[in-house]
Amino acid sequence: MSELLNFHIYNFMLVFLRLGSALAFMPGFTTSYINMRQRLSIAVAIAIALIPFLQSYFPPIPQDSASFIRMISFEILVGVFLGMLMQFLYAALSLAGSFAAQAIGFANAQIFDPTFQNQSVVIETFLSLIAITIIFITDLHHLMLSAVIDSYNLFPVGANLPVDDFSNFLSQTLNKSFIMGFKIGAPFIAFTIIFYTGMGLLSRLMPQLNIFFLSLPLQIYLGLGLLLITTPMMIVWFTKYFEDGLMQFIK
């Protein structure tokens, strides 16, 4: 009975460490509305439910403490890697929101962002909350959990930790997210160039006109109109990018 109990505790720890580490960084689960106790309860409940399905991936209980500590560290680092990867994928929309705020003139209008738990631009927070809502409505959070579960095929328990591969993949993902954020925010970049070019020409043609008094409300109205038109397209594009990024870890 003691050996059986130790075996079940050992299996639970292996699942909980990887899953809990990933949940600590997953978009949607790191918001300020979900406290640490709730995150812990979610991780424990999911880990208990997954133990029967993942037992074939677990090696025997190590006999020495050094191997056991090494295995625990491996599970934690794999979970952190998966959670950070999802956070990097999510950062693409944050960059697009920054471009939109600069174009509209709301760059200094900041509000608390519950997704990243810091002060951010109001447009960025607006798009972030929409994206989190869409992720949970379309069950993409199930895909995030599936990526963690299927990671046992890519990163077997007790294997050597591919630190170089982790760092290279995270840097490539961050680079792709920057490019995707630039693409999503491209309408606002074009709007900024066209608007300021037009205002510059107008100030040359009519020097007596107070261009700053005219341009600010016009910039806000036109920018908000562009945001209203492009938001659905931006969210759809981001959702497809986020889904494709997660599908790399699902068999």
Protein backbone atom coordinates (compact mmCIF):
# COMPACT_ATOMS: atom_id res chain seq x y z
CA MET A 1 0.00 0.00 0.00
CA SER A 2 2.84 2.38 0.83
CA GLU A 3 4.54 1.71 -2.53
CA LEU A 4 1.26 2.22 -4.39
CA LEU A 5 0.62 5.48 -2.57
CA ASN A 6 4.13 6.73 -3.33
CA PHE A 7 3.66 5.79 -6.99
CA HIS A 8 0.44 7.81 -7.26
CA ILE A 9 2.01 10.80 -5.51
CA TYR A 10 4.98 10.54 -7.87
CA ASN A 11 2.70 10.53 -10.93
CA PHE A 12 0.69 13.45 -9.61
CA MET A 13 3.81 15.52 -8.99
CA LEU A 14 5.10 14.95 -12.53
CA VAL A 15 1.82 16.11 -14.09
CA PHE A 16 1.21 18.92 -11.64
CA LEU A 17 4.69 20.47 -11.97
CA ARG A 18 4.57 20.71 -15.76
CA LEU A 19 0.93 21.77 -15.93
CA GLY A 20 1.13 24.18 -13.00
CA SER A 21 4.26 25.86 -14.36
CA ALA A 22 2.56 26.34 -17.73
CA LEU A 23 -0.63 27.69 -16.14
CA ALA A 24 1.42 30.27 -14.27
CA PHE A 25 2.25 31.94 -17.61
CA MET A 26 -0.69 31.03 -19.86
CA PRO A 27 -2.73 33.96 -21.23
CA GLY A 28 -6.05 34.16 -19.46
CA PHE A 29 -4.89 32.25 -16.39
CA THR A 30 -2.43 34.93 -15.27
CA THR A 31 -4.99 37.74 -15.04
CA SER A 32 -5.47 39.55 -11.76
CA TYR A 33 -9.06 38.29 -11.59
CA ILE A 34 -7.76 34.75 -10.98
CA ASN A 35 -5.90 34.61 -7.68
CA MET A 36 -3.17 32.13 -6.80
CA ARG A 37 -5.53 29.82 -4.91
CA GLN A 38 -7.82 29.49 -7.91
CA ARG A 39 -4.91 28.80 -10.26
CA LEU A 40 -3.64 26.15 -7.85
CA SER A 41 -7.08 24.54 -7.65
CA ILE A 42 -7.39 24.45 -11.45
CA ALA A 43 -3.94 22.89 -11.82
CA VAL A 44 -4.62 20.27 -9.13
CA ALA A 45 -8.01 19.31 -10.60
CA ILE A 46 -6.67 18.98 -14.16
CA ALA A 47 -3.59 17.06 -12.98
CA ILE A 48 -5.70 14.52 -11.09
CA ALA A 49 -7.92 14.03 -14.14
CA LEU A 50 -4.93 13.51 -16.45
CA ILE A 51 -2.97 10.99 -14.38
CA PRO A 52 -4.71 7.87 -15.81
CA PHE A 53 -4.10 9.03 -19.40
CA LEU A 54 -0.42 9.90 -18.94
CA GLN A 55 0.85 7.00 -16.85
CA SER A 56 2.53 5.38 -19.86
CA TYR A 57 4.83 8.42 -20.20
CA PHE A 58 6.20 8.21 -16.66
CA PRO A 59 9.49 6.41 -15.93
CA PRO A 60 9.96 4.37 -12.75
CA ILE A 61 10.50 6.22 -9.50
CA PRO A 62 14.20 7.22 -9.32
CA GLN A 63 16.17 5.62 -6.53
CA ASP A 64 18.47 8.55 -5.74
CA SER A 65 17.57 12.10 -4.79
CA ALA A 66 19.77 13.68 -7.49
CA SER A 67 17.81 12.00 -10.29
CA PHE A 68 14.54 12.95 -8.63
CA ILE A 69 15.55 16.63 -8.32
CA ARG A 70 16.74 16.60 -11.93
CA MET A 71 13.38 15.20 -13.06
CA ILE A 72 11.44 17.81 -11.08
CA SER A 73 13.56 20.63 -12.52
CA PHE A 74 12.98 19.27 -16.03
CA GLU A 75 9.19 19.27 -15.59
CA ILE A 76 9.15 22.81 -14.19
CA LEU A 77 11.34 24.18 -16.99
CA VAL A 78 9.27 22.50 -19.71
CA GLY A 79 6.10 23.98 -18.21
CA VAL A 80 7.67 27.44 -18.00
CA PHE A 81 8.83 27.13 -21.62
CA LEU A 82 5.33 26.25 -22.85
CA GLY A 83 3.71 29.04 -20.82
CA MET A 84 6.22 31.64 -22.02
CA LEU A 85 5.75 30.48 -25.59
CA MET A 86 1.99 31.11 -25.36
CA GLN A 87 2.67 34.48 -23.78
CA PHE A 88 4.99 35.40 -26.67
CA LEU A 89 2.32 34.38 -29.17
CA TYR A 90 -0.16 36.56 -27.32
CA ALA A 91 2.23 39.53 -27.38
CA ALA A 92 1.58 40.05 -31.12
CA LEU A 93 -1.74 41.73 -30.37
CA SER A 94 -0.15 43.92 -27.72
CA LEU A 95 2.23 45.36 -30.31
CA ALA A 96 -0.65 45.97 -32.73
CA GLY A 97 -2.54 47.78 -29.96
CA SER A 98 0.47 49.99 -29.36
CA PHE A 99 0.53 50.96 -33.04
CA ALA A 100 -3.20 51.71 -32.94
CA ALA A 101 -2.82 53.88 -29.84
CA GLN A 102 -0.04 55.89 -31.43
CA ALA A 103 -2.13 56.43 -34.57
CA ILE A 104 -5.26 57.51 -32.68
CA GLY A 105 -3.40 59.77 -30.26
CA PHE A 106 -4.07 57.71 -27.13
CA ALA A 107 -0.45 56.78 -26.48
CA ASN A 108 -0.48 58.51 -23.08
CA ALA A 109 -3.95 57.27 -22.07
CA GLN A 110 -3.15 54.33 -19.81
CA ILE A 111 -5.26 51.93 -17.80
CA PHE A 112 -4.62 48.81 -15.73
CA ASP A 113 -4.35 45.73 -17.95
CA PRO A 114 -5.51 42.62 -16.03
CA THR A 115 -3.94 40.35 -18.65
CA PHE A 116 -0.36 41.51 -18.03
CA GLN A 117 -1.06 42.98 -14.54
CA ASN A 118 0.49 46.37 -15.30
CA GLN A 119 -0.38 49.76 -16.71
CA SER A 120 -0.79 49.75 -20.48
CA VAL A 121 -2.29 51.89 -23.22
CA VAL A 122 -6.09 51.87 -23.20
CA ILE A 123 -6.36 50.62 -26.82
CA GLU A 124 -3.91 47.83 -26.06
CA THR A 125 -5.95 46.81 -23.02
CA PHE A 126 -9.15 46.93 -25.07
CA LEU A 127 -7.77 44.57 -27.71
CA SER A 128 -6.23 42.35 -25.04
CA LEU A 129 -9.54 41.85 -23.24
CA ILE A 130 -11.30 41.10 -26.53
CA ALA A 131 -8.64 38.53 -27.41
CA ILE A 132 -8.91 36.80 -24.03
CA THR A 133 -12.70 36.65 -24.42
CA ILE A 134 -12.39 35.15 -27.90
CA ILE A 135 -9.83 32.60 -26.67
CA PHE A 136 -12.24 31.27 -24.06
CA ILE A 137 -15.34 31.51 -26.27
CA THR A 138 -13.71 29.55 -29.10
CA ASP A 139 -12.20 27.00 -26.65
CA LEU A 140 -8.64 27.91 -27.55
CA HIS A 141 -7.82 27.47 -23.86
CA HIS A 142 -8.51 23.75 -24.44
CA LEU A 143 -5.91 23.90 -27.19
CA MET A 144 -3.43 25.45 -24.76
CA LEU A 145 -3.99 22.59 -22.32
CA SER A 146 -3.75 20.07 -25.18
CA ALA A 147 -0.38 21.53 -26.13
CA VAL A 148 0.87 20.90 -22.59
CA ILE A 149 -0.51 17.34 -22.57
CA ASP A 150 0.92 16.45 -25.98
CA SER A 151 4.27 17.93 -25.00
CA TYR A 152 5.01 14.59 -23.31
CA ASN A 153 5.59 13.21 -26.82
CA LEU A 154 8.12 15.95 -27.62
CA PHE A 155 9.73 16.21 -24.19
CA PRO A 156 9.61 12.81 -22.46
CA VAL A 157 9.94 12.81 -18.69
CA GLY A 158 13.54 12.41 -17.59
CA ALA A 159 15.11 13.22 -20.96
CA ASN A 160 17.93 15.70 -21.43
CA LEU A 161 16.78 19.30 -21.29
CA PRO A 162 17.18 20.97 -24.73
CA VAL A 163 18.12 24.40 -23.39
CA ASP A 164 19.54 25.61 -26.72
CA ASP A 165 16.43 24.52 -28.59
CA PHE A 166 14.20 26.22 -26.01
CA SER A 167 16.02 29.54 -26.26
CA ASN A 168 16.18 29.44 -30.07
CA PHE A 169 12.52 28.56 -30.40
CA LEU A 170 11.44 31.30 -27.98
CA SER A 171 13.53 33.89 -29.81
CA GLN A 172 12.09 32.81 -33.16
CA THR A 173 8.55 32.91 -31.74
CA LEU A 174 9.11 36.40 -30.36
CA ASN A 175 10.44 37.51 -33.74
CA LYS A 176 7.39 36.05 -35.52
CA SER A 177 5.08 37.74 -33.02
CA PHE A 178 6.74 41.09 -33.70
CA ILE A 179 6.24 40.59 -37.45
CA MET A 180 2.63 39.51 -36.94
CA GLY A 181 1.95 42.49 -34.67
CA PHE A 182 3.41 44.75 -37.33
CA LYS A 183 1.12 43.16 -39.95
CA ILE A 184 -1.97 43.42 -37.74
CA GLY A 185 -1.23 47.07 -36.96
CA ALA A 186 -0.36 47.90 -40.59
CA PRO A 187 -3.63 49.85 -41.22
CA PHE A 188 -2.79 52.21 -38.37
CA ILE A 189 0.79 52.64 -39.53
CA ALA A 190 -0.49 53.58 -43.00
CA PHE A 191 -3.09 55.87 -41.43
CA THR A 192 -0.40 57.66 -39.40
CA ILE A 193 1.80 58.23 -42.45
CA ILE A 194 -1.07 59.49 -44.62
CA PHE A 195 -2.59 61.67 -41.89
CA TYR A 196 0.61 63.43 -40.87
CA THR A 197 1.65 63.87 -44.50
CA GLY A 198 -1.71 65.50 -45.22
CA MET A 199 -1.48 67.75 -42.16
CA GLY A 200 2.04 68.78 -43.17
CA LEU A 201 0.91 69.71 -46.67
CA LEU A 202 -2.08 71.58 -45.27
CA SER A 203 0.12 73.60 -42.92
CA ARG A 204 2.30 74.59 -45.88
CA LEU A 205 -0.65 75.58 -48.01
CA MET A 206 -2.40 77.51 -45.21
CA PRO A 207 0.23 78.78 -42.73
CA GLN A 208 -2.35 80.91 -40.91
CA LEU A 209 -4.39 77.83 -39.97
CA ASN A 210 -3.91 76.45 -36.44
CA ILE A 211 -3.03 72.94 -37.58
CA PHE A 212 -2.73 71.48 -34.09
CA PHE A 213 -6.21 72.65 -33.13
CA LEU A 214 -7.61 71.02 -36.26
CA SER A 215 -5.56 67.82 -36.40
CA LEU A 216 -6.10 66.42 -32.88
CA PRO A 217 -9.90 65.92 -32.95
CA LEU A 218 -9.70 64.81 -36.58
CA GLN A 219 -7.02 62.28 -35.71
CA ILE A 220 -9.11 60.89 -32.85
CA TYR A 221 -12.33 60.60 -34.85
CA LEU A 222 -10.69 59.05 -37.90
CA GLY A 223 -8.53 56.74 -35.78
CA LEU A 224 -11.48 55.47 -33.75
CA GLY A 225 -13.43 54.92 -36.95
CA LEU A 226 -10.55 52.90 -38.36
CA LEU A 227 -10.35 50.92 -35.11
CA LEU A 228 -14.08 50.14 -35.30
CA ILE A 229 -13.70 48.86 -38.85
CA THR A 230 -10.50 46.85 -38.43
CA THR A 231 -10.98 45.31 -34.96
CA PRO A 232 -12.86 42.19 -36.20
CA MET A 233 -10.21 41.55 -38.84
CA MET A 234 -7.40 42.06 -36.31
CA ILE A 235 -8.93 39.63 -33.82
CA VAL A 236 -9.57 36.97 -36.47
CA TRP A 237 -6.02 37.29 -37.79
CA PHE A 238 -4.58 37.09 -34.29
CA THR A 239 -6.73 34.08 -33.36
CA LYS A 240 -5.54 32.16 -36.43
CA TYR A 241 -1.91 33.02 -35.62
CA PHE A 242 -2.34 31.95 -31.98
CA GLU A 243 -3.98 28.67 -33.01
CA ASP A 244 -1.26 27.86 -35.55
CA GLY A 245 1.40 28.51 -32.94
CA LEU A 246 -0.21 26.03 -30.53
CA MET A 247 -0.74 23.38 -33.19
CA GLN A 248 3.03 22.87 -33.39
CA PHE A 249 2.87 20.94 -30.10
CA ILE A 250 -0.24 18.88 -30.84
CA LYS A 251 0.20 15.57 -32.57
